[in-house]
Amino acid sequence: MGAGLQPGEARNHGAVQRGARQPGSSFQVRGTPAQSGGVELSLGVGGQMSETVSWSLEYTGEFRSDTSGHLLQGRLSVAF
């Protein structure tokens, strides 16, 4: 489980990409700027049903005044 508070200035999420077919060239991919301040939250739970079966359920959320994002992920693992 985790949580975070992100105070400070707004920033622009972005990355520089390089193509495999044109290794000498690059281009920038920009995301939407994040509002200053916000909360990020992660929660998870999991368990073992038997010697070969396990499960987990995880939630991650981002809460800001200009945007929010949520991810819910479940997993069931069977070993054989």
N, C-alpha and C. Protein backbone atom coordinates (compact mmCIF):
# COMPACT_ATOMS: atom_id res chain seq x y z
N MET A 1 0.86 -1.16 0.00
CA MET A 1 0.00 0.00 0.00
C MET A 1 0.90 1.21 0.00
N GLY A 2 0.48 2.25 -0.73
CA GLY A 2 1.25 3.46 -0.76
C GLY A 2 0.40 4.66 -1.08
N ALA A 3 0.88 5.81 -0.72
CA ALA A 3 0.19 7.06 -1.01
C ALA A 3 1.23 8.15 -1.17
N GLY A 4 0.92 9.16 -1.94
CA GLY A 4 1.86 10.25 -2.13
C GLY A 4 1.16 11.56 -2.35
N LEU A 5 1.80 12.63 -1.94
CA LEU A 5 1.30 13.98 -2.15
C LEU A 5 2.33 14.69 -3.01
N GLN A 6 1.86 15.35 -4.06
CA GLN A 6 2.78 15.98 -4.98
C GLN A 6 2.56 17.48 -5.02
N PRO A 7 3.20 18.21 -4.12
CA PRO A 7 3.10 19.66 -4.16
C PRO A 7 4.04 20.23 -5.21
N GLY A 8 3.93 21.49 -5.48
CA GLY A 8 4.89 22.14 -6.38
C GLY A 8 4.26 22.65 -7.64
N GLU A 9 5.13 22.96 -8.59
CA GLU A 9 4.71 23.58 -9.84
C GLU A 9 4.11 22.57 -10.80
N ALA A 10 3.27 23.07 -11.69
CA ALA A 10 2.73 22.23 -12.76
C ALA A 10 3.87 21.83 -13.67
N ARG A 11 3.80 20.64 -14.21
CA ARG A 11 4.86 20.19 -15.12
C ARG A 11 4.22 19.47 -16.29
N ASN A 12 4.95 19.38 -17.36
CA ASN A 12 4.46 18.73 -18.56
C ASN A 12 5.11 17.36 -18.66
N HIS A 13 4.31 16.32 -18.71
CA HIS A 13 4.83 14.97 -18.86
C HIS A 13 5.21 14.78 -20.33
N GLY A 14 6.36 14.22 -20.57
CA GLY A 14 6.77 14.01 -21.95
C GLY A 14 7.93 13.04 -22.03
N ALA A 15 8.25 12.63 -23.24
CA ALA A 15 9.35 11.71 -23.47
C ALA A 15 9.92 11.97 -24.85
N VAL A 16 11.20 11.70 -25.01
CA VAL A 16 11.84 11.79 -26.32
C VAL A 16 11.90 10.39 -26.90
N GLN A 17 11.42 10.24 -28.13
CA GLN A 17 11.36 8.94 -28.79
C GLN A 17 12.32 8.92 -29.98
N ARG A 18 12.85 7.74 -30.26
CA ARG A 18 13.70 7.54 -31.43
C ARG A 18 13.15 6.35 -32.21
N GLY A 19 13.03 6.52 -33.51
CA GLY A 19 12.50 5.46 -34.35
C GLY A 19 13.56 4.43 -34.69
N ALA A 20 13.17 3.17 -34.81
CA ALA A 20 14.11 2.10 -35.14
C ALA A 20 14.58 2.21 -36.59
N ARG A 21 13.72 2.73 -37.48
CA ARG A 21 14.08 2.82 -38.91
C ARG A 21 14.90 4.06 -39.21
N GLN A 22 14.85 5.05 -38.35
CA GLN A 22 15.63 6.28 -38.53
C GLN A 22 16.36 6.58 -37.23
N PRO A 23 17.44 5.85 -36.92
CA PRO A 23 18.10 5.99 -35.64
C PRO A 23 18.68 7.38 -35.36
N GLY A 24 18.94 8.15 -36.37
CA GLY A 24 19.51 9.48 -36.17
C GLY A 24 18.49 10.55 -35.82
N SER A 25 17.22 10.27 -36.03
CA SER A 25 16.20 11.29 -35.77
C SER A 25 15.46 10.99 -34.47
N SER A 26 14.95 12.04 -33.87
CA SER A 26 14.15 11.87 -32.65
C SER A 26 12.99 12.86 -32.68
N PHE A 27 11.98 12.60 -31.88
CA PHE A 27 10.84 13.51 -31.77
C PHE A 27 10.32 13.46 -30.34
N GLN A 28 9.71 14.54 -29.93
CA GLN A 28 9.21 14.64 -28.56
C GLN A 28 7.72 14.36 -28.52
N VAL A 29 7.30 13.56 -27.54
CA VAL A 29 5.90 13.28 -27.30
C VAL A 29 5.54 13.96 -25.98
N ARG A 30 4.57 14.87 -26.02
CA ARG A 30 4.18 15.60 -24.82
C ARG A 30 2.79 15.18 -24.37
N GLY A 31 2.64 15.05 -23.08
CA GLY A 31 1.33 14.77 -22.49
C GLY A 31 0.72 16.07 -21.99
N THR A 32 -0.41 15.96 -21.37
CA THR A 32 -1.05 17.15 -20.82
C THR A 32 -0.31 17.58 -19.56
N PRO A 33 -0.21 18.88 -19.33
CA PRO A 33 0.47 19.33 -18.13
C PRO A 33 -0.33 18.97 -16.88
N ALA A 34 0.35 18.53 -15.85
CA ALA A 34 -0.31 18.18 -14.60
C ALA A 34 -0.49 19.43 -13.75
N GLN A 35 -1.62 19.53 -13.12
CA GLN A 35 -1.89 20.63 -12.20
C GLN A 35 -0.94 20.51 -11.01
N SER A 36 -0.52 21.64 -10.47
CA SER A 36 0.36 21.57 -9.31
C SER A 36 -0.40 20.98 -8.13
N GLY A 37 0.24 20.10 -7.44
CA GLY A 37 -0.36 19.45 -6.28
C GLY A 37 -1.31 18.34 -6.68
N GLY A 38 -1.45 17.39 -5.83
CA GLY A 38 -2.35 16.28 -6.08
C GLY A 38 -2.01 15.12 -5.17
N VAL A 39 -2.79 14.08 -5.30
CA VAL A 39 -2.60 12.89 -4.48
C VAL A 39 -2.57 11.66 -5.37
N GLU A 40 -1.62 10.77 -5.11
CA GLU A 40 -1.55 9.48 -5.79
C GLU A 40 -1.70 8.40 -4.73
N LEU A 41 -2.51 7.40 -5.02
CA LEU A 41 -2.84 6.38 -4.03
C LEU A 41 -2.72 5.00 -4.66
N SER A 42 -2.10 4.07 -3.95
CA SER A 42 -1.99 2.68 -4.41
C SER A 42 -2.38 1.76 -3.26
N LEU A 43 -3.25 0.81 -3.55
CA LEU A 43 -3.67 -0.18 -2.56
C LEU A 43 -3.62 -1.55 -3.21
N GLY A 44 -3.27 -2.55 -2.45
CA GLY A 44 -3.24 -3.89 -3.00
C GLY A 44 -3.47 -4.93 -1.93
N VAL A 45 -4.06 -6.03 -2.34
CA VAL A 45 -4.28 -7.16 -1.45
C VAL A 45 -4.11 -8.44 -2.27
N GLY A 46 -3.64 -9.47 -1.63
CA GLY A 46 -3.44 -10.72 -2.33
C GLY A 46 -3.42 -11.88 -1.36
N GLY A 47 -3.47 -13.06 -1.90
CA GLY A 47 -3.46 -14.23 -1.04
C GLY A 47 -3.15 -15.50 -1.80
N GLN A 48 -2.96 -16.55 -1.05
CA GLN A 48 -2.66 -17.88 -1.58
C GLN A 48 -3.87 -18.76 -1.31
N MET A 49 -4.51 -19.28 -2.36
CA MET A 49 -5.68 -20.14 -2.20
C MET A 49 -5.26 -21.59 -1.95
N SER A 50 -4.16 -21.98 -2.55
CA SER A 50 -3.61 -23.32 -2.36
C SER A 50 -2.13 -23.25 -2.68
N GLU A 51 -1.48 -24.39 -2.71
CA GLU A 51 -0.05 -24.41 -3.02
C GLU A 51 0.25 -23.91 -4.42
N THR A 52 -0.72 -24.06 -5.32
CA THR A 52 -0.48 -23.71 -6.73
C THR A 52 -1.31 -22.52 -7.22
N VAL A 53 -2.22 -22.00 -6.41
CA VAL A 53 -3.10 -20.91 -6.86
C VAL A 53 -2.96 -19.70 -5.94
N SER A 54 -2.68 -18.54 -6.55
CA SER A 54 -2.60 -17.28 -5.80
C SER A 54 -3.40 -16.21 -6.54
N TRP A 55 -3.73 -15.13 -5.83
CA TRP A 55 -4.52 -14.07 -6.42
C TRP A 55 -4.07 -12.72 -5.87
N SER A 56 -4.40 -11.66 -6.59
CA SER A 56 -4.14 -10.31 -6.10
C SER A 56 -5.12 -9.34 -6.74
N LEU A 57 -5.38 -8.25 -6.05
CA LEU A 57 -6.23 -7.18 -6.54
C LEU A 57 -5.54 -5.87 -6.16
N GLU A 58 -5.32 -4.99 -7.15
CA GLU A 58 -4.58 -3.75 -6.92
C GLU A 58 -5.34 -2.57 -7.51
N TYR A 59 -5.28 -1.45 -6.81
CA TYR A 59 -5.90 -0.20 -7.26
C TYR A 59 -4.83 0.90 -7.21
N THR A 60 -4.79 1.70 -8.25
CA THR A 60 -3.93 2.88 -8.30
C THR A 60 -4.78 4.04 -8.78
N GLY A 61 -4.72 5.16 -8.08
CA GLY A 61 -5.50 6.33 -8.45
C GLY A 61 -4.68 7.60 -8.35
N GLU A 62 -5.00 8.54 -9.20
CA GLU A 62 -4.37 9.86 -9.22
C GLU A 62 -5.50 10.88 -9.16
N PHE A 63 -5.42 11.77 -8.21
CA PHE A 63 -6.47 12.77 -7.99
C PHE A 63 -5.85 14.16 -8.05
N ARG A 64 -6.25 14.96 -9.02
CA ARG A 64 -5.81 16.34 -9.16
C ARG A 64 -7.01 17.18 -9.54
N SER A 65 -6.88 18.49 -9.41
CA SER A 65 -8.02 19.35 -9.73
C SER A 65 -8.33 19.35 -11.22
N ASP A 66 -7.32 19.11 -12.08
CA ASP A 66 -7.55 19.16 -13.52
C ASP A 66 -7.75 17.79 -14.16
N THR A 67 -7.44 16.71 -13.45
CA THR A 67 -7.55 15.38 -14.04
C THR A 67 -7.58 14.32 -12.94
N SER A 68 -8.00 13.15 -13.31
CA SER A 68 -7.89 12.01 -12.40
C SER A 68 -7.72 10.76 -13.25
N GLY A 69 -7.10 9.77 -12.67
CA GLY A 69 -6.90 8.51 -13.37
C GLY A 69 -7.04 7.36 -12.40
N HIS A 70 -7.60 6.26 -12.86
CA HIS A 70 -7.84 5.12 -12.00
C HIS A 70 -7.49 3.83 -12.74
N LEU A 71 -6.90 2.89 -12.02
CA LEU A 71 -6.56 1.59 -12.57
C LEU A 71 -6.90 0.53 -11.53
N LEU A 72 -7.69 -0.45 -11.91
CA LEU A 72 -8.02 -1.58 -11.06
C LEU A 72 -7.54 -2.83 -11.79
N GLN A 73 -6.69 -3.61 -11.13
CA GLN A 73 -6.10 -4.76 -11.79
C GLN A 73 -6.23 -5.99 -10.89
N GLY A 74 -6.76 -7.07 -11.44
CA GLY A 74 -6.87 -8.33 -10.72
C GLY A 74 -6.02 -9.39 -11.40
N ARG A 75 -5.51 -10.32 -10.59
CA ARG A 75 -4.66 -11.38 -11.15
C ARG A 75 -4.95 -12.69 -10.44
N LEU A 76 -5.03 -13.73 -11.20
CA LEU A 76 -5.16 -15.10 -10.69
C LEU A 76 -4.03 -15.91 -11.32
N SER A 77 -3.19 -16.50 -10.49
CA SER A 77 -2.04 -17.26 -10.98
C SER A 77 -2.18 -18.72 -10.60
N VAL A 78 -1.95 -19.59 -11.57
CA VAL A 78 -2.00 -21.03 -11.34
C VAL A 78 -0.66 -21.61 -11.79
N ALA A 79 0.04 -22.24 -10.89
CA ALA A 79 1.33 -22.88 -11.20
C ALA A 79 1.09 -24.36 -11.47
N PHE A 80 1.76 -24.87 -12.50
CA PHE A 80 1.63 -26.31 -12.80
C PHE A 80 2.94 -26.85 -13.29
